[in-house]
Amino acid sequence: MSLSFFFNRHKRHNHSILKWSGLLILIFISFTDLAFKPFSASAEKVITGNVLNEQSVYIYYFYFTPRCDECIILEKALLKVLNGQYSQELKSKRLIFKMIDLTNPDSESKKIIQELRVRRQLLLLVSGETTVNLTKDAFRYAENQYERFRNLIKTAIDQALTQ
């Protein structure tokens, strides 16, 4: 049986088949749009169970326990920069700093770890859809080149705050 014979024989049904297939495609597109809408760029991000303020800049320091000397040095240097340069932004929640223990995270931290796909020790700056990994240079400069460390952190935060 040829293909043209099939279409000619069922010509009267073609219109209804096209109508139903078009309707099914429309339903599928609507469903997928609703199903994936929370993940679109225009939707608000949910990381910690609360809707995050898209205007805030987040600094996450992910670490393991027990902590090494370099980890503690980085933390102290980072807190010195944040408390010295950004105390007003921290108070107003325009800048939010959170340390997260990867060894034993709480439920809120687990959501952040999953959202950011963290698997190792990191220092991340998150602003809206932008994530900046500061880990490598932060560890390199925190102990012996504090001014360079401060400038690195300050430049990243200032750029994120002005966007």
Protein backbone atom coordinates (compact mmCIF):
# COMPACT_ATOMS: atom_id res chain seq x y z
CA MET A 1 0.00 0.00 0.00
CA SER A 2 1.50 3.33 -1.01
CA LEU A 3 1.65 6.39 1.21
CA SER A 4 -0.45 8.47 -1.22
CA PHE A 5 -3.19 5.79 -1.11
CA PHE A 6 -3.25 6.04 2.69
CA PHE A 7 -3.59 9.85 2.64
CA ASN A 8 -6.21 9.83 -0.11
CA ARG A 9 -8.23 7.17 1.67
CA HIS A 10 -8.12 9.06 4.97
CA LYS A 11 -8.35 12.56 3.52
CA ARG A 12 -11.57 13.34 5.33
CA HIS A 13 -9.87 12.50 8.66
CA ASN A 14 -6.72 14.56 8.00
CA HIS A 15 -8.36 17.82 9.06
CA SER A 16 -9.48 16.42 12.41
CA ILE A 17 -6.09 14.73 12.96
CA LEU A 18 -4.28 18.02 12.31
CA LYS A 19 -6.68 19.87 14.58
CA TRP A 20 -6.15 17.41 17.47
CA SER A 21 -2.39 17.19 17.00
CA GLY A 22 -2.19 21.00 17.01
CA LEU A 23 -4.24 21.10 20.21
CA LEU A 24 -1.98 18.48 21.84
CA ILE A 25 1.13 20.44 20.87
CA LEU A 26 -0.40 23.61 22.32
CA ILE A 27 -1.22 21.81 25.59
CA PHE A 28 2.31 20.36 25.76
CA ILE A 29 3.91 23.78 25.22
CA SER A 30 1.69 25.34 27.89
CA PHE A 31 2.52 22.58 30.35
CA THR A 32 6.27 22.79 29.78
CA ASP A 33 6.14 26.57 30.11
CA LEU A 34 4.42 26.26 33.48
CA ALA A 35 6.65 23.41 34.61
CA PHE A 36 9.89 25.26 33.91
CA LYS A 37 8.81 28.83 34.63
CA PRO A 38 10.44 28.97 38.12
CA PHE A 39 13.80 28.32 36.46
CA SER A 40 13.57 31.15 33.95
CA ALA A 41 15.91 34.12 34.28
CA SER A 42 13.07 36.52 35.03
CA ALA A 43 11.73 34.48 37.96
CA GLU A 44 12.90 35.24 41.48
CA LYS A 45 15.51 32.84 42.80
CA VAL A 46 14.71 30.72 45.81
CA ILE A 47 17.83 29.49 47.56
CA THR A 48 17.22 29.44 51.28
CA GLY A 49 13.49 28.84 51.32
CA ASN A 50 12.92 32.59 51.36
CA VAL A 51 12.69 34.70 48.23
CA LEU A 52 16.06 36.40 47.95
CA ASN A 53 16.33 40.08 47.35
CA GLU A 54 17.79 40.31 43.85
CA GLN A 55 19.48 43.57 44.91
CA SER A 56 21.55 41.87 47.61
CA VAL A 57 25.09 40.62 47.09
CA TYR A 58 25.94 37.34 48.80
CA ILE A 59 29.37 36.16 49.86
CA TYR A 60 29.48 32.47 50.66
CA TYR A 61 32.50 30.86 52.26
CA PHE A 62 32.21 27.06 51.98
CA TYR A 63 34.63 25.04 54.11
CA PHE A 64 35.19 21.60 55.61
CA THR A 65 35.87 20.69 59.23
CA PRO A 66 38.40 20.28 60.65
CA ARG A 67 39.74 23.55 59.27
CA CYS A 68 43.33 24.16 58.22
CA ASP A 69 45.39 27.22 59.15
CA GLU A 70 44.90 28.76 55.69
CA CYS A 71 41.13 28.50 56.07
CA ILE A 72 41.20 30.34 59.37
CA ILE A 73 43.56 33.00 57.96
CA LEU A 74 41.24 33.53 54.98
CA GLU A 75 38.21 33.87 57.26
CA LYS A 76 39.94 36.45 59.48
CA ALA A 77 41.17 38.47 56.48
CA LEU A 78 37.73 38.37 54.87
CA LEU A 79 35.96 39.47 58.06
CA LYS A 80 38.48 42.30 58.44
CA VAL A 81 37.64 43.57 54.93
CA LEU A 82 33.89 43.12 55.34
CA ASN A 83 33.63 44.72 58.78
CA GLY A 84 36.05 47.50 57.91
CA GLN A 85 34.79 48.46 54.45
CA TYR A 86 31.20 47.22 54.30
CA SER A 87 29.67 47.50 57.77
CA GLN A 88 26.75 49.62 56.52
CA GLU A 89 26.01 47.23 53.65
CA LEU A 90 26.08 44.29 56.05
CA LYS A 91 23.69 46.04 58.45
CA SER A 92 21.26 46.97 55.68
CA LYS A 93 21.44 43.41 54.21
CA ARG A 94 22.63 44.84 50.89
CA LEU A 95 25.65 42.59 51.45
CA ILE A 96 25.14 39.21 53.12
CA PHE A 97 28.02 37.02 54.33
CA LYS A 98 27.45 33.38 55.18
CA MET A 99 29.92 30.68 56.18
CA ILE A 100 28.75 27.17 55.32
CA ASP A 101 30.28 24.00 56.73
CA LEU A 102 30.26 21.38 53.96
CA THR A 103 30.99 18.60 56.43
CA ASN A 104 27.72 18.95 58.31
CA PRO A 105 25.40 21.49 56.63
CA ASP A 106 22.01 22.41 58.04
CA SER A 107 18.90 22.23 55.82
CA GLU A 108 19.13 25.88 54.72
CA SER A 109 22.79 25.43 53.80
CA LYS A 110 22.01 22.23 51.87
CA LYS A 111 19.65 24.23 49.62
CA ILE A 112 22.37 26.79 48.93
CA ILE A 113 24.93 24.04 48.27
CA GLN A 114 22.58 22.38 45.79
CA GLU A 115 21.59 25.64 44.09
CA LEU A 116 25.22 26.69 43.59
CA ARG A 117 26.42 23.10 42.94
CA VAL A 118 29.19 23.31 45.52
CA ARG A 119 31.36 20.24 45.97
CA ARG A 120 34.51 21.68 47.50
CA GLN A 121 35.87 24.54 49.56
CA LEU A 122 34.98 27.85 47.84
CA LEU A 123 34.68 31.58 48.32
CA LEU A 124 31.86 32.76 46.06
CA LEU A 125 30.31 36.13 45.42
CA VAL A 126 26.73 35.82 44.12
CA SER A 127 24.80 38.75 42.72
CA GLY A 128 21.60 38.01 40.82
CA GLU A 129 22.51 35.55 38.07
CA THR A 130 26.25 36.25 38.40
CA THR A 131 28.57 34.04 40.44
CA VAL A 132 32.23 34.97 40.90
CA ASN A 133 34.68 32.39 42.24
CA LEU A 134 37.27 34.21 44.39
CA THR A 135 38.77 31.09 45.96
CA LYS A 136 42.11 30.74 44.21
CA ASP A 137 43.28 34.36 44.52
CA ALA A 138 41.79 34.77 47.99
CA PHE A 139 43.84 31.89 49.36
CA ARG A 140 46.90 33.06 47.47
CA TYR A 141 46.87 36.58 48.96
CA ALA A 142 45.08 36.35 52.34
CA GLU A 143 48.09 35.57 54.50
CA ASN A 144 51.09 37.38 53.01
CA GLN A 145 49.61 40.01 50.68
CA TYR A 146 46.70 41.46 52.62
CA GLU A 147 46.46 44.68 50.56
CA ARG A 148 46.18 42.67 47.36
CA PHE A 149 43.60 40.41 49.04
CA ARG A 150 41.62 43.47 50.21
CA ASN A 151 41.70 44.99 46.73
CA LEU A 152 40.54 41.71 45.18
CA ILE A 153 37.58 41.41 47.54
CA LYS A 154 36.75 45.13 47.40
CA THR A 155 36.81 45.24 43.59
CA ALA A 156 34.50 42.22 43.31
CA ILE A 157 32.03 43.53 45.90
CA ASP A 158 32.00 47.09 44.56
CA GLN A 159 31.35 45.86 41.05
CA ALA A 160 28.48 43.65 42.25
CA LEU A 161 26.96 46.43 44.38
CA THR A 162 26.89 48.89 41.47
CA GLN A 163 25.12 46.54 39.07
